Amino acid sequence: RGQIAVGRDGYAVVVAGAGDLYAVRAQGGPVVPITFSRVAE
């Protein structure tokens, strides 16, 4: 919310760190955390 317009903006998601999901806009820039759990995604 407020970072990427879901269903409209292009973006990518990767796994990083200890196993959380992060999104980045197609134009690049700061990543947006999607998950915050202590169990790997």
Full PDB file with SEQRES, HELIX, SHEET, SSBOND, CRYST1, ORIGX, SCALE, CONECT and MASTER records, all heavy atoms in Angstrom:
SEQRES   1 A   41  ARG GLY GLN ILE ALA VAL GLY ARG ASP GLY TYR ALA VAL          
SEQRES   2 A   41  VAL VAL ALA GLY ALA GLY ASP LEU TYR ALA VAL ARG ALA          
SEQRES   3 A   41  GLN GLY GLY PRO VAL VAL PRO ILE THR PHE SER ARG VAL          
SEQRES   4 A   41  ALA GLU                                                      
SHEET    1 AA1 3 TYR A  11  ALA A  16  0                                        
SHEET    2 AA1 3 ASP A  20  ARG A  25 -1                                        
SHEET    3 AA1 3 VAL A  32  PRO A  33 -1                                        
CRYST1    1.000    1.000    1.000  90.00  90.00  90.00 P 1           1          
ORIGX1      1.000000  0.000000  0.000000        0.00000                         
ORIGX2      0.000000  1.000000  0.000000        0.00000                         
ORIGX3      0.000000  0.000000  1.000000        0.00000                         
SCALE1      1.000000  0.000000  0.000000        0.00000                         
SCALE2      0.000000  1.000000  0.000000        0.00000                         
SCALE3      0.000000  0.000000  1.000000        0.00000                         
ATOM      1  N   ARG A   1       0.828  -1.206   0.000  1.00  0.00           N  
ATOM      2  CA  ARG A   1       0.000   0.000   0.000  1.00  0.00           C  
ATOM      3  C   ARG A   1       0.864   1.258   0.000  1.00  0.00           C  
ATOM      4  O   ARG A   1       1.788   1.404   0.802  1.00  0.00           O  
ATOM      5  CB  ARG A   1      -0.913   0.030   1.219  1.00  0.00           C  
ATOM      6  CG  ARG A   1      -1.757   1.301   1.348  1.00  0.00           C  
ATOM      7  CD  ARG A   1      -2.545   1.323   2.623  1.00  0.00           C  
ATOM      8  NE  ARG A   1      -3.621   0.338   2.620  1.00  0.00           N  
ATOM      9  CZ  ARG A   1      -4.389   0.073   3.684  1.00  0.00           C  
ATOM     10  NH1 ARG A   1      -4.164   0.699   4.817  1.00  0.00           N  
ATOM     11  NH2 ARG A   1      -5.351  -0.827   3.592  1.00  0.00           N  
ATOM     12  N   GLY A   2       0.569   2.173  -0.908  1.00  0.00           N  
ATOM     13  CA  GLY A   2       1.301   3.433  -0.979  1.00  0.00           C  
ATOM     14  C   GLY A   2       2.659   3.330  -1.641  1.00  0.00           C  
ATOM     15  O   GLY A   2       3.339   4.342  -1.812  1.00  0.00           O  
ATOM     16  N   GLN A   3       3.059   2.119  -2.017  1.00  0.00           N  
ATOM     17  CA  GLN A   3       4.377   1.904  -2.620  1.00  0.00           C  
ATOM     18  C   GLN A   3       4.265   1.425  -4.063  1.00  0.00           C  
ATOM     19  O   GLN A   3       4.980   1.910  -4.943  1.00  0.00           O  
ATOM     20  CB  GLN A   3       5.168   0.878  -1.793  1.00  0.00           C  
ATOM     21  CG  GLN A   3       5.317   1.219  -0.333  1.00  0.00           C  
ATOM     22  CD  GLN A   3       6.213   2.420  -0.095  1.00  0.00           C  
ATOM     23  OE1 GLN A   3       7.151   2.675  -0.854  1.00  0.00           O  
ATOM     24  NE2 GLN A   3       5.913   3.176   0.950  1.00  0.00           N  
ATOM     25  N   ILE A   4       3.388   0.456  -4.293  1.00  0.00           N  
ATOM     26  CA  ILE A   4       3.204  -0.147  -5.617  1.00  0.00           C  
ATOM     27  C   ILE A   4       1.716  -0.325  -5.842  1.00  0.00           C  
ATOM     28  O   ILE A   4       0.999  -0.836  -4.966  1.00  0.00           O  
ATOM     29  CB  ILE A   4       3.928  -1.509  -5.705  1.00  0.00           C  
ATOM     30  CG1 ILE A   4       5.443  -1.320  -5.596  1.00  0.00           C  
ATOM     31  CG2 ILE A   4       3.574  -2.223  -7.016  1.00  0.00           C  
ATOM     32  CD1 ILE A   4       6.223  -2.620  -5.468  1.00  0.00           C  
ATOM     33  N   ALA A   5       1.210   0.114  -6.996  1.00  0.00           N  
ATOM     34  CA  ALA A   5      -0.197  -0.067  -7.333  1.00  0.00           C  
ATOM     35  C   ALA A   5      -0.399  -1.493  -7.829  1.00  0.00           C  
ATOM     36  O   ALA A   5      -0.017  -1.829  -8.959  1.00  0.00           O  
ATOM     37  CB  ALA A   5      -0.626   0.935  -8.390  1.00  0.00           C  
ATOM     38  N   VAL A   6      -0.962  -2.335  -6.993  1.00  0.00           N  
ATOM     39  CA  VAL A   6      -1.134  -3.750  -7.302  1.00  0.00           C  
ATOM     40  C   VAL A   6      -2.053  -3.919  -8.510  1.00  0.00           C  
ATOM     41  O   VAL A   6      -3.128  -3.319  -8.580  1.00  0.00           O  
ATOM     42  CB  VAL A   6      -1.714  -4.496  -6.079  1.00  0.00           C  
ATOM     43  CG1 VAL A   6      -2.048  -5.947  -6.432  1.00  0.00           C  
ATOM     44  CG2 VAL A   6      -0.726  -4.449  -4.922  1.00  0.00           C  
ATOM     45  N   GLY A   7      -1.603  -4.722  -9.472  1.00  0.00           N  
ATOM     46  CA  GLY A   7      -2.373  -4.957 -10.672  1.00  0.00           C  
ATOM     47  C   GLY A   7      -2.160  -3.927 -11.758  1.00  0.00           C  
ATOM     48  O   GLY A   7      -2.667  -4.087 -12.870  1.00  0.00           O  
ATOM     49  N   ARG A   8      -1.387  -2.887 -11.470  1.00  0.00           N  
ATOM     50  CA  ARG A   8      -1.119  -1.853 -12.469  1.00  0.00           C  
ATOM     51  C   ARG A   8       0.375  -1.672 -12.696  1.00  0.00           C  
ATOM     52  O   ARG A   8       0.868  -1.784 -13.814  1.00  0.00           O  
ATOM     53  CB  ARG A   8      -1.741  -0.522 -12.055  1.00  0.00           C  
ATOM     54  CG  ARG A   8      -1.656   0.553 -13.148  1.00  0.00           C  
ATOM     55  CD  ARG A   8      -2.077   1.915 -12.609  1.00  0.00           C  
ATOM     56  NE  ARG A   8      -1.065   2.455 -11.703  1.00  0.00           N  
ATOM     57  CZ  ARG A   8      -1.236   3.554 -10.965  1.00  0.00           C  
ATOM     58  NH1 ARG A   8      -2.400   4.193 -10.989  1.00  0.00           N  
ATOM     59  NH2 ARG A   8      -0.273   3.992 -10.182  1.00  0.00           N  
ATOM     60  N   ASP A   9       1.117  -1.399 -11.631  1.00  0.00           N  
ATOM     61  CA  ASP A   9       2.553  -1.149 -11.748  1.00  0.00           C  
ATOM     62  C   ASP A   9       3.322  -2.441 -11.986  1.00  0.00           C  
ATOM     63  O   ASP A   9       2.986  -3.488 -11.436  1.00  0.00           O  
ATOM     64  CB  ASP A   9       3.101  -0.483 -10.476  1.00  0.00           C  
ATOM     65  CG  ASP A   9       2.546   0.909 -10.251  1.00  0.00           C  
ATOM     66  OD1 ASP A   9       1.986   1.485 -11.205  1.00  0.00           O  
ATOM     67  OD2 ASP A   9       2.682   1.409  -9.117  1.00  0.00           O  
ATOM     68  N   GLY A  10       4.401  -2.350 -12.761  1.00  0.00           N  
ATOM     69  CA  GLY A  10       5.307  -3.475 -12.896  1.00  0.00           C  
ATOM     70  C   GLY A  10       6.204  -3.566 -11.677  1.00  0.00           C  
ATOM     71  O   GLY A  10       6.657  -2.541 -11.145  1.00  0.00           O  
ATOM     72  N   TYR A  11       6.453  -4.767 -11.215  1.00  0.00           N  
ATOM     73  CA  TYR A  11       7.338  -4.944 -10.063  1.00  0.00           C  
ATOM     74  C   TYR A  11       7.845  -6.380 -10.012  1.00  0.00           C  
ATOM     75  O   TYR A  11       7.311  -7.263 -10.679  1.00  0.00           O  
ATOM     76  CB  TYR A  11       6.638  -4.558  -8.756  1.00  0.00           C  
ATOM     77  CG  TYR A  11       5.510  -5.464  -8.317  1.00  0.00           C  
ATOM     78  CD1 TYR A  11       5.683  -6.380  -7.294  1.00  0.00           C  
ATOM     79  CD2 TYR A  11       4.248  -5.392  -8.918  1.00  0.00           C  
ATOM     80  CE1 TYR A  11       4.645  -7.198  -6.872  1.00  0.00           C  
ATOM     81  CE2 TYR A  11       3.208  -6.206  -8.506  1.00  0.00           C  
ATOM     82  CZ  TYR A  11       3.403  -7.111  -7.481  1.00  0.00           C  
ATOM     83  OH  TYR A  11       2.386  -7.920  -7.071  1.00  0.00           O  
ATOM     84  N   ALA A  12       8.872  -6.577  -9.234  1.00  0.00           N  
ATOM     85  CA  ALA A  12       9.454  -7.899  -9.055  1.00  0.00           C  
ATOM     86  C   ALA A  12       9.505  -8.225  -7.573  1.00  0.00           C  
ATOM     87  O   ALA A  12       9.531  -7.327  -6.725  1.00  0.00           O  
ATOM     88  CB  ALA A  12      10.859  -7.963  -9.653  1.00  0.00           C  
ATOM     89  N   VAL A  13       9.534  -9.499  -7.258  1.00  0.00           N  
ATOM     90  CA  VAL A  13       9.641  -9.973  -5.878  1.00  0.00           C  
ATOM     91  C   VAL A  13      10.783 -10.976  -5.804  1.00  0.00           C  
ATOM     92  O   VAL A  13      10.932 -11.818  -6.702  1.00  0.00           O  
ATOM     93  CB  VAL A  13       8.326 -10.622  -5.400  1.00  0.00           C  
ATOM     94  CG1 VAL A  13       8.502 -11.261  -4.022  1.00  0.00           C  
ATOM     95  CG2 VAL A  13       7.197  -9.602  -5.365  1.00  0.00           C  
ATOM     96  N   VAL A  14      11.582 -10.860  -4.756  1.00  0.00           N  
ATOM     97  CA  VAL A  14      12.687 -11.795  -4.537  1.00  0.00           C  
ATOM     98  C   VAL A  14      12.686 -12.246  -3.079  1.00  0.00           C  
ATOM     99  O   VAL A  14      12.064 -11.618  -2.215  1.00  0.00           O  
ATOM    100  CB  VAL A  14      14.055 -11.151  -4.862  1.00  0.00           C  
ATOM    101  CG1 VAL A  14      14.159 -10.815  -6.337  1.00  0.00           C  
ATOM    102  CG2 VAL A  14      14.302  -9.915  -4.003  1.00  0.00           C  
ATOM    103  N   VAL A  15      13.397 -13.324  -2.836  1.00  0.00           N  
ATOM    104  CA  VAL A  15      13.695 -13.765  -1.478  1.00  0.00           C  
ATOM    105  C   VAL A  15      15.051 -13.192  -1.100  1.00  0.00           C  
ATOM    106  O   VAL A  15      15.980 -13.179  -1.912  1.00  0.00           O  
ATOM    107  CB  VAL A  15      13.736 -15.299  -1.380  1.00  0.00           C  
ATOM    108  CG1 VAL A  15      14.092 -15.749   0.034  1.00  0.00           C  
ATOM    109  CG2 VAL A  15      12.405 -15.900  -1.812  1.00  0.00           C  
ATOM    110  N   ALA A  16      15.177 -12.705   0.122  1.00  0.00           N  
ATOM    111  CA  ALA A  16      16.473 -12.171   0.568  1.00  0.00           C  
ATOM    112  C   ALA A  16      16.586 -12.346   2.073  1.00  0.00           C  
ATOM    113  O   ALA A  16      15.622 -12.701   2.757  1.00  0.00           O  
ATOM    114  CB  ALA A  16      16.617 -10.697   0.188  1.00  0.00           C  
ATOM    115  N   GLY A  17      17.783 -12.063   2.573  1.00  0.00           N  
ATOM    116  CA  GLY A  17      18.025 -12.184   3.998  1.00  0.00           C  
ATOM    117  C   GLY A  17      17.833 -13.609   4.469  1.00  0.00           C  
ATOM    118  O   GLY A  17      18.228 -14.570   3.812  1.00  0.00           O  
ATOM    119  N   ALA A  18      17.174 -13.762   5.611  1.00  0.00           N  
ATOM    120  CA  ALA A  18      16.960 -15.081   6.196  1.00  0.00           C  
ATOM    121  C   ALA A  18      15.754 -15.794   5.614  1.00  0.00           C  
ATOM    122  O   ALA A  18      15.414 -16.890   6.039  1.00  0.00           O  
ATOM    123  CB  ALA A  18      16.804 -14.950   7.715  1.00  0.00           C  
ATOM    124  N   GLY A  19      15.068 -15.162   4.632  1.00  0.00           N  
ATOM    125  CA  GLY A  19      13.956 -15.832   3.978  1.00  0.00           C  
ATOM    126  C   GLY A  19      12.667 -15.044   3.940  1.00  0.00           C  
ATOM    127  O   GLY A  19      11.592 -15.631   3.973  1.00  0.00           O  
ATOM    128  N   ASP A  20      12.752 -13.716   3.877  1.00  0.00           N  
ATOM    129  CA  ASP A  20      11.556 -12.901   3.692  1.00  0.00           C  
ATOM    130  C   ASP A  20      11.424 -12.505   2.233  1.00  0.00           C  
ATOM    131  O   ASP A  20      12.384 -12.570   1.457  1.00  0.00           O  
ATOM    132  CB  ASP A  20      11.614 -11.645   4.577  1.00  0.00           C  
ATOM    133  CG  ASP A  20      11.198 -11.941   6.014  1.00  0.00           C  
ATOM    134  OD1 ASP A  20      10.169 -12.618   6.208  1.00  0.00           O  
ATOM    135  OD2 ASP A  20      11.907 -11.500   6.944  1.00  0.00           O  
ATOM    136  N   LEU A  21      10.225 -12.036   1.852  1.00  0.00           N  
ATOM    137  CA  LEU A  21       9.949 -11.607   0.491  1.00  0.00           C  
ATOM    138  C   LEU A  21      10.012 -10.087   0.417  1.00  0.00           C  
ATOM    139  O   LEU A  21       9.500  -9.385   1.289  1.00  0.00           O  
ATOM    140  CB  LEU A  21       8.561 -12.082   0.047  1.00  0.00           C  
ATOM    141  CG  LEU A  21       8.272 -13.578   0.170  1.00  0.00           C  
ATOM    142  CD1 LEU A  21       6.860 -13.877  -0.345  1.00  0.00           C  
ATOM    143  CD2 LEU A  21       9.306 -14.402  -0.575  1.00  0.00           C  
ATOM    144  N   TYR A  22      10.633  -9.586  -0.673  1.00  0.00           N  
ATOM    145  CA  TYR A  22      10.785  -8.152  -0.885  1.00  0.00           C  
ATOM    146  C   TYR A  22      10.383  -7.807  -2.312  1.00  0.00           C  
ATOM    147  O   TYR A  22      10.700  -8.546  -3.253  1.00  0.00           O  
ATOM    148  CB  TYR A  22      12.233  -7.718  -0.657  1.00  0.00           C  
ATOM    149  CG  TYR A  22      12.700  -7.892   0.767  1.00  0.00           C  
ATOM    150  CD1 TYR A  22      13.199  -9.128   1.200  1.00  0.00           C  
ATOM    151  CD2 TYR A  22      12.650  -6.851   1.679  1.00  0.00           C  
ATOM    152  CE1 TYR A  22      13.620  -9.305   2.511  1.00  0.00           C  
ATOM    153  CE2 TYR A  22      13.073  -7.020   2.993  1.00  0.00           C  
ATOM    154  CZ  TYR A  22      13.556  -8.247   3.402  1.00  0.00           C  
ATOM    155  OH  TYR A  22      13.962  -8.426   4.693  1.00  0.00           O  
ATOM    156  N   ALA A  23       9.697  -6.677  -2.467  1.00  0.00           N  
ATOM    157  CA  ALA A  23       9.275  -6.209  -3.784  1.00  0.00           C  
ATOM    158  C   ALA A  23      10.065  -4.974  -4.176  1.00  0.00           C  
ATOM    159  O   ALA A  23      10.487  -4.187  -3.326  1.00  0.00           O  
ATOM    160  CB  ALA A  23       7.780  -5.879  -3.776  1.00  0.00           C  
ATOM    161  N   VAL A  24      10.258  -4.788  -5.496  1.00  0.00           N  
ATOM    162  CA  VAL A  24      10.888  -3.576  -6.017  1.00  0.00           C  
ATOM    163  C   VAL A  24      10.153  -3.169  -7.285  1.00  0.00           C  
ATOM    164  O   VAL A  24       9.768  -4.019  -8.092  1.00  0.00           O  
ATOM    165  CB  VAL A  24      12.392  -3.784  -6.289  1.00  0.00           C  
ATOM    166  CG1 VAL A  24      12.624  -4.860  -7.346  1.00  0.00           C  
ATOM    167  CG2 VAL A  24      13.063  -2.477  -6.698  1.00  0.00           C  
ATOM    168  N   ARG A  25       9.921  -1.880  -7.433  1.00  0.00           N  
ATOM    169  CA  ARG A  25       9.239  -1.376  -8.612  1.00  0.00           C  
ATOM    170  C   ARG A  25      10.072  -1.604  -9.869  1.00  0.00           C  
ATOM    171  O   ARG A  25      11.294  -1.739  -9.810  1.00  0.00           O  
ATOM    172  CB  ARG A  25       8.961   0.126  -8.447  1.00  0.00           C  
ATOM    173  CG  ARG A  25       7.909   0.440  -7.403  1.00  0.00           C  
ATOM    174  CD  ARG A  25       7.829   1.948  -7.160  1.00  0.00           C  
ATOM    175  NE  ARG A  25       7.533   2.667  -8.401  1.00  0.00           N  
ATOM    176  CZ  ARG A  25       6.311   2.921  -8.843  1.00  0.00           C  
ATOM    177  NH1 ARG A  25       5.265   2.511  -8.140  1.00  0.00           N  
ATOM    178  NH2 ARG A  25       6.125   3.579  -9.954  1.00  0.00           N  
ATOM    179  N   ALA A  26       9.403  -1.627 -11.026  1.00  0.00           N  
ATOM    180  CA  ALA A  26      10.099  -1.821 -12.296  1.00  0.00           C  
ATOM    181  C   ALA A  26      11.113  -0.715 -12.558  1.00  0.00           C  
ATOM    182  O   ALA A  26      12.072  -0.912 -13.300  1.00  0.00           O  
ATOM    183  CB  ALA A  26       9.090  -1.888 -13.440  1.00  0.00           C  
ATOM    184  N   GLN A  27      10.911   0.452 -11.946  1.00  0.00           N  
ATOM    185  CA  GLN A  27      11.854   1.557 -12.111  1.00  0.00           C  
ATOM    186  C   GLN A  27      13.009   1.493 -11.119  1.00  0.00           C  
ATOM    187  O   GLN A  27      13.911   2.326 -11.168  1.00  0.00           O  
ATOM    188  CB  GLN A  27      11.122   2.904 -11.937  1.00  0.00           C  
ATOM    189  CG  GLN A  27      10.082   3.193 -13.001  1.00  0.00           C  
ATOM    190  CD  GLN A  27       8.770   2.465 -12.745  1.00  0.00           C  
ATOM    191  OE1 GLN A  27       8.548   1.912 -11.676  1.00  0.00           O  
ATOM    192  NE2 GLN A  27       7.894   2.458 -13.745  1.00  0.00           N  
ATOM    193  N   GLY A  28      12.985   0.502 -10.213  1.00  0.00           N  
ATOM    194  CA  GLY A  28      14.021   0.390  -9.204  1.00  0.00           C  
ATOM    195  C   GLY A  28      13.712   1.244  -7.996  1.00  0.00           C  
ATOM    196  O   GLY A  28      12.634   1.819  -7.859  1.00  0.00           O  
ATOM    197  N   GLY A  29      14.684   1.322  -7.077  1.00  0.00           N  
ATOM    198  CA  GLY A  29      14.508   2.117  -5.871  1.00  0.00           C  
ATOM    199  C   GLY A  29      14.504   1.250  -4.628  1.00  0.00           C  
ATOM    200  O   GLY A  29      14.921   0.091  -4.646  1.00  0.00           O  
ATOM    201  N   PRO A  30      14.022   1.790  -3.510  1.00  0.00           N  
ATOM    202  CA  PRO A  30      14.004   1.038  -2.246  1.00  0.00           C  
ATOM    203  C   PRO A  30      13.098  -0.185  -2.342  1.00  0.00           C  
ATOM    204  O   PRO A  30      12.045  -0.141  -2.982  1.00  0.00           O  
ATOM    205  CB  PRO A  30      13.449   2.049  -1.237  1.00  0.00           C  
ATOM    206  CG  PRO A  30      13.626   3.388  -1.870  1.00  0.00           C  
ATOM    207  CD  PRO A  30      13.524   3.171  -3.342  1.00  0.00           C  
ATOM    208  N   VAL A  31      13.501  -1.265  -1.703  1.00  0.00           N  
ATOM    209  CA  VAL A  31      12.670  -2.458  -1.675  1.00  0.00           C  
ATOM    210  C   VAL A  31      11.555  -2.288  -0.649  1.00  0.00           C  
ATOM    211  O   VAL A  31      11.670  -1.503   0.293  1.00  0.00           O  
ATOM    212  CB  VAL A  31      13.488  -3.727  -1.366  1.00  0.00           C  
ATOM    213  CG1 VAL A  31      14.529  -3.973  -2.443  1.00  0.00           C  
ATOM    214  CG2 VAL A  31      14.136  -3.639   0.015  1.00  0.00           C  
ATOM    215  N   VAL A  32      10.474  -3.023  -0.862  1.00  0.00           N  
ATOM    216  CA  VAL A  32       9.321  -2.990   0.042  1.00  0.00           C  
ATOM    217  C   VAL A  32       9.148  -4.384   0.642  1.00  0.00           C  
ATOM    218  O   VAL A  32       8.921  -5.345  -0.097  1.00  0.00           O  
ATOM    219  CB  VAL A  32       8.038  -2.587  -0.707  1.00  0.00           C  
ATOM    220  CG1 VAL A  32       6.860  -2.500   0.270  1.00  0.00           C  
ATOM    221  CG2 VAL A  32       8.229  -1.273  -1.453  1.00  0.00           C  
ATOM    222  N   PRO A  33       9.264  -4.542   1.954  1.00  0.00           N  
ATOM    223  CA  PRO A  33       9.063  -5.868   2.554  1.00  0.00           C  
ATOM    224  C   PRO A  33       7.621  -6.332   2.378  1.00  0.00           C  
ATOM    225  O   PRO A  33       6.687  -5.556   2.551  1.00  0.00           O  
ATOM    226  CB  PRO A  33       9.382  -5.651   4.037  1.00  0.00           C  
ATOM    227  CG  PRO A  33      10.161  -4.368   4.097  1.00  0.00           C  
ATOM    228  CD  PRO A  33       9.647  -3.534   2.964  1.00  0.00           C  
ATOM    229  N   ILE A  34       7.455  -7.598   2.020  1.00  0.00           N  
ATOM    230  CA  ILE A  34       6.127  -8.189   1.897  1.00  0.00           C  
ATOM    231  C   ILE A  34       5.818  -9.070   3.093  1.00  0.00           C  
ATOM    232  O   ILE A  34       4.711  -9.070   3.617  1.00  0.00           O  
ATOM    233  CB  ILE A  34       6.018  -9.000   0.593  1.00  0.00           C  
ATOM    234  CG1 ILE A  34       6.096  -8.066  -0.622  1.00  0.00           C  
ATOM    235  CG2 ILE A  34       4.714  -9.798   0.550  1.00  0.00           C  
ATOM    236  CD1 ILE A  34       6.042  -8.794  -1.951  1.00  0.00           C  
ATOM    237  N   THR A  35       6.790  -9.848   3.534  1.00  0.00           N  
ATOM    238  CA  THR A  35       6.604 -10.704   4.708  1.00  0.00           C  
ATOM    239  C   THR A  35       7.576 -10.286   5.796  1.00  0.00           C  
ATOM    240  O   THR A  35       8.654  -9.752   5.529  1.00  0.00           O  
ATOM    241  CB  THR A  35       6.804 -12.185   4.364  1.00  0.00           C  
ATOM    242  OG1 THR A  35       8.124 -12.382   3.847  1.00  0.00           O  
ATOM    243  CG2 THR A  35       5.787 -12.640   3.322  1.00  0.00           C  
ATOM    244  N   PHE A  36       7.166 -10.568   7.043  1.00  0.00           N  
ATOM    245  CA  PHE A  36       7.951 -10.167   8.209  1.00  0.00           C  
ATOM    246  C   PHE A  36       8.072 -11.318   9.205  1.00  0.00           C  
ATOM    247  O   PHE A  36       8.303 -11.103  10.378  1.00  0.00           O  
ATOM    248  CB  PHE A  36       7.287  -8.974   8.915  1.00  0.00           C  
ATOM    249  CG  PHE A  36       7.020  -7.796   8.017  1.00  0.00           C  
ATOM    250  CD1 PHE A  36       5.880  -7.736   7.236  1.00  0.00           C  
ATOM    251  CD2 PHE A  36       7.920  -6.746   7.966  1.00  0.00           C  
ATOM    252  CE1 PHE A  36       5.633  -6.650   6.418  1.00  0.00           C  
ATOM    253  CE2 PHE A  36       7.685  -5.651   7.151  1.00  0.00           C  
ATOM    254  CZ  PHE A  36       6.530  -5.596   6.378  1.00  0.00           C  
ATOM    255  N   SER A  37       7.860 -12.529   8.741  1.00  0.00           N  
ATOM    256  CA  SER A  37       7.795 -13.653   9.669  1.00  0.00           C  
ATOM    257  C   SER A  37       9.180 -14.142  10.060  1.00  0.00           C  
ATOM    258  O   SER A  37      10.185 -13.810   9.439  1.00  0.00           O  
ATOM    259  CB  SER A  37       6.995 -14.793   9.039  1.00  0.00           C  
ATOM    260  OG  SER A  37       7.759 -15.434   8.040  1.00  0.00           O  
ATOM    261  N   ARG A  38       9.200 -14.986  11.079  1.00  0.00           N  
ATOM    262  CA  ARG A  38      10.441 -15.615  11.523  1.00  0.00           C  
ATOM    263  C   ARG A  38      10.606 -17.004  10.906  1.00  0.00           C  
ATOM    264  O   ARG A  38      11.531 -17.730  11.240  1.00  0.00           O  
ATOM    265  CB  ARG A  38      10.459 -15.696  13.051  1.00  0.00           C  
ATOM    266  CG  ARG A  38      10.636 -14.337  13.707  1.00  0.00           C  
ATOM    267  CD  ARG A  38      10.115 -14.303  15.135  1.00  0.00           C  
ATOM    268  NE  ARG A  38      10.552 -15.445  15.923  1.00  0.00           N  
ATOM    269  CZ  ARG A  38       9.961 -15.821  17.048  1.00  0.00           C  
ATOM    270  NH1 ARG A  38       8.906 -15.172  17.482  1.00  0.00           N  
ATOM    271  NH2 ARG A  38      10.403 -16.851  17.722  1.00  0.00           N  
ATOM    272  N   VAL A  39       9.681 -17.382  10.032  1.00  0.00           N  
ATOM    273  CA  VAL A  39       9.752 -18.646   9.297  1.00  0.00           C  
ATOM    274  C   VAL A  39      10.048 -18.313   7.839  1.00  0.00           C  
ATOM    275  O   VAL A  39       9.462 -17.400   7.275  1.00  0.00           O  
ATOM    276  CB  VAL A  39       8.435 -19.429   9.412  1.00  0.00           C  
ATOM    277  CG1 VAL A  39       8.520 -20.743   8.652  1.00  0.00           C  
ATOM    278  CG2 VAL A  39       8.086 -19.676  10.876  1.00  0.00           C  
ATOM    279  N   ALA A  40      10.952 -19.045   7.226  1.00  0.00           N  
ATOM    280  CA  ALA A  40      11.392 -18.721   5.865  1.00  0.00           C  
ATOM    281  C   ALA A  40      10.266 -18.829   4.850  1.00  0.00           C  
ATOM    282  O   ALA A  40       9.477 -19.773   4.865  1.00  0.00           O  
ATOM    283  CB  ALA A  40      12.540 -19.644   5.461  1.00  0.00           C  
ATOM    284  N   GLU A  41      10.178 -17.835   3.953  1.00  0.00           N  
ATOM    285  CA  GLU A  41       9.309 -17.893   2.782  1.00  0.00           C  
ATOM    286  C   GLU A  41      10.177 -18.167   1.556  1.00  0.00           C  
ATOM    287  O   GLU A  41      11.240 -17.551   1.407  1.00  0.00           O  
ATOM    288  CB  GLU A  41       8.528 -16.600   2.599  1.00  0.00           C  
ATOM    289  CG  GLU A  41       7.329 -16.457   3.500  1.00  0.00           C  
ATOM    290  CD  GLU A  41       7.638 -15.832   4.844  1.00  0.00           C  
ATOM    291  OE1 GLU A  41       8.610 -15.068   4.928  1.00  0.00           O  
ATOM    292  OE2 GLU A  41       6.916 -16.126   5.816  1.00  0.00           O  
TER     293      GLU A  41                                                      
MASTER        0    0    0    0    3    0    0    6  292    1    0    4          
END                                                                             
